[in-house]
Amino acid sequence: MAKIQLLTPEQLSERDKKPRGKSGRRRSEERTRIIEDYKDQLRTAEPGYGGDVTLGNDEDKRIVRQNLKTAADELHKAIEFRPIKDKSRIHFRIITAEERAAKPKRTGRPRKNPSV
C-alpha cells in the first residue's frame, strides 16, 4: 500500500520555491578542467582570429566542439565552426557579436501542431 505524507502550508510553500542559482546537472571536474584550458588558449583571441584543432584518438569531435563553444561563451566571445570532412580536425574562427546576430537561425522541419 502507498504511504501518504501530509504537508503543512508552510512546508508546501517551502517545497514549491524555485531553486536559487544554477540548477540542473553539474559540470564534471574533468570537463571543467578542459574548458578552463580552452579558455586560457582563447583569452587573447580577437574577432578575425581562427584556429585548427587536431583531435586525439580517444576524443569525440562533437564533445570537443561543445567544450570550445562553452569556453568561448564564458569569455563572451562568438565562435564559428567551419565544416570540414576530416573527422580528426576542427576549423573555427572568432567572430563579432554583430556577425553572430546577423547569421540566420537554423531552420529545419517545422514543429507538429499539437492542437490538431
Protein backbone atom coordinates (compact mmCIF):
# COMPACT_ATOMS: atom_id res chain seq x y z
CA MET A 1 0.00 0.00 0.00
CA ALA A 2 1.23 3.53 -0.82
CA LYS A 3 2.41 5.73 2.03
CA ILE A 4 0.87 9.21 2.29
CA GLN A 5 2.66 12.10 3.93
CA LEU A 6 0.65 15.25 4.66
CA LEU A 7 2.40 18.60 4.47
CA THR A 8 1.53 21.86 6.21
CA PRO A 9 1.00 25.00 4.12
CA GLU A 10 4.43 26.24 5.25
CA GLN A 11 6.09 23.00 4.11
CA LEU A 12 4.27 23.22 0.77
CA SER A 13 5.43 26.79 0.16
CA GLU A 14 8.99 25.79 1.09
CA ARG A 15 8.87 22.82 -1.28
CA ASP A 16 7.44 24.88 -4.15
CA LYS A 17 10.08 27.61 -4.00
CA LYS A 18 12.23 27.80 -7.10
CA PRO A 19 15.87 26.91 -6.52
CA ARG A 20 18.30 29.79 -6.37
CA GLY A 21 21.32 29.94 -8.62
CA LYS A 22 22.15 27.37 -11.22
CA SER A 23 20.00 24.33 -11.35
CA GLY A 24 20.34 21.20 -13.38
CA ARG A 25 23.31 18.97 -13.88
CA ARG A 26 26.68 19.98 -12.56
CA ARG A 27 29.72 20.06 -14.80
CA SER A 28 32.23 17.30 -14.09
CA GLU A 29 35.67 18.22 -12.79
CA GLU A 30 37.31 16.84 -15.92
CA ARG A 31 35.08 18.88 -18.24
CA THR A 32 35.66 22.00 -16.10
CA ARG A 33 39.43 21.48 -16.39
CA ILE A 34 39.20 21.04 -20.18
CA ILE A 35 37.06 24.16 -20.59
CA GLU A 36 39.46 26.18 -18.41
CA ASP A 37 42.37 25.05 -20.64
CA TYR A 38 40.44 26.13 -23.74
CA LYS A 39 39.60 29.47 -22.10
CA ASP A 40 43.29 30.09 -21.37
CA GLN A 41 44.11 29.48 -25.04
CA LEU A 42 41.21 31.60 -26.36
CA ARG A 43 41.67 34.51 -23.95
CA THR A 44 43.86 36.58 -26.30
CA ALA A 45 41.88 35.77 -29.45
CA GLU A 46 40.01 38.67 -31.04
CA PRO A 47 37.46 38.67 -33.87
CA GLY A 48 39.21 37.67 -37.06
CA TYR A 49 41.45 35.12 -35.35
CA GLY A 50 40.94 31.48 -36.19
CA GLY A 51 42.28 28.10 -35.28
CA ASP A 52 42.58 24.43 -36.04
CA VAL A 53 42.00 21.68 -33.51
CA THR A 54 43.57 18.28 -34.07
CA LEU A 55 41.70 15.62 -32.15
CA GLY A 56 43.31 12.73 -30.33
CA ASN A 57 42.30 9.13 -30.99
CA ASP A 58 40.00 8.98 -27.96
CA GLU A 59 38.30 12.37 -28.50
CA ASP A 60 34.85 12.92 -29.96
CA LYS A 61 34.54 15.82 -32.43
CA ARG A 62 31.10 16.79 -31.14
CA ILE A 63 32.22 16.96 -27.49
CA VAL A 64 35.39 18.96 -28.26
CA ARG A 65 33.32 21.39 -30.32
CA GLN A 66 30.79 21.73 -27.49
CA ASN A 67 33.56 22.41 -24.96
CA LEU A 68 35.16 25.02 -27.25
CA LYS A 69 31.81 26.77 -27.68
CA THR A 70 31.25 26.78 -23.91
CA ALA A 71 34.72 28.23 -23.30
CA ALA A 72 34.13 30.97 -25.88
CA ASP A 73 30.69 31.78 -24.44
CA GLU A 74 32.14 32.11 -20.93
CA LEU A 75 34.72 34.58 -22.33
CA HIS A 76 31.88 36.48 -24.07
CA LYS A 77 33.30 35.67 -27.49
CA ALA A 78 31.44 34.34 -30.50
CA ILE A 79 32.90 31.33 -32.26
CA GLU A 80 32.02 29.98 -35.69
CA PHE A 81 32.89 26.48 -36.83
CA ARG A 82 33.73 25.76 -40.45
CA PRO A 83 32.63 22.48 -41.99
CA ILE A 84 35.42 20.02 -42.73
CA LYS A 85 35.27 16.41 -43.85
CA ASP A 86 38.31 15.30 -41.83
CA LYS A 87 36.92 13.69 -38.67
CA SER A 88 40.12 14.32 -36.73
CA ARG A 89 40.20 18.12 -37.18
CA ILE A 90 38.03 21.14 -36.42
CA HIS A 91 38.35 24.59 -38.03
CA PHE A 92 36.98 27.63 -36.21
CA ARG A 93 37.20 31.39 -36.17
CA ILE A 94 36.30 34.09 -33.68
CA ILE A 95 33.57 36.42 -34.95
CA THR A 96 32.00 39.62 -33.64
CA ALA A 97 28.69 39.65 -31.80
CA GLU A 98 27.20 41.54 -34.77
CA GLU A 99 28.25 38.76 -37.16
CA ARG A 100 26.67 36.17 -34.88
CA ALA A 101 23.42 38.16 -34.69
CA ALA A 102 23.35 38.55 -38.48
CA LYS A 103 23.66 34.81 -39.10
CA PRO A 104 20.33 33.24 -40.00
CA LYS A 105 18.86 30.93 -37.42
CA ARG A 106 18.95 27.24 -38.18
CA THR A 107 15.86 26.00 -39.89
CA GLY A 108 14.53 22.55 -40.32
CA ARG A 109 11.38 20.61 -40.29
CA PRO A 110 8.52 22.64 -38.79
CA ARG A 111 7.12 21.57 -35.45
CA LYS A 112 3.98 19.50 -35.39
CA ASN A 113 0.88 21.41 -34.35
CA PRO A 114 -0.12 19.79 -31.03
CA SER A 115 -3.68 21.13 -31.17
CA VAL A 116 -4.54 19.08 -34.25
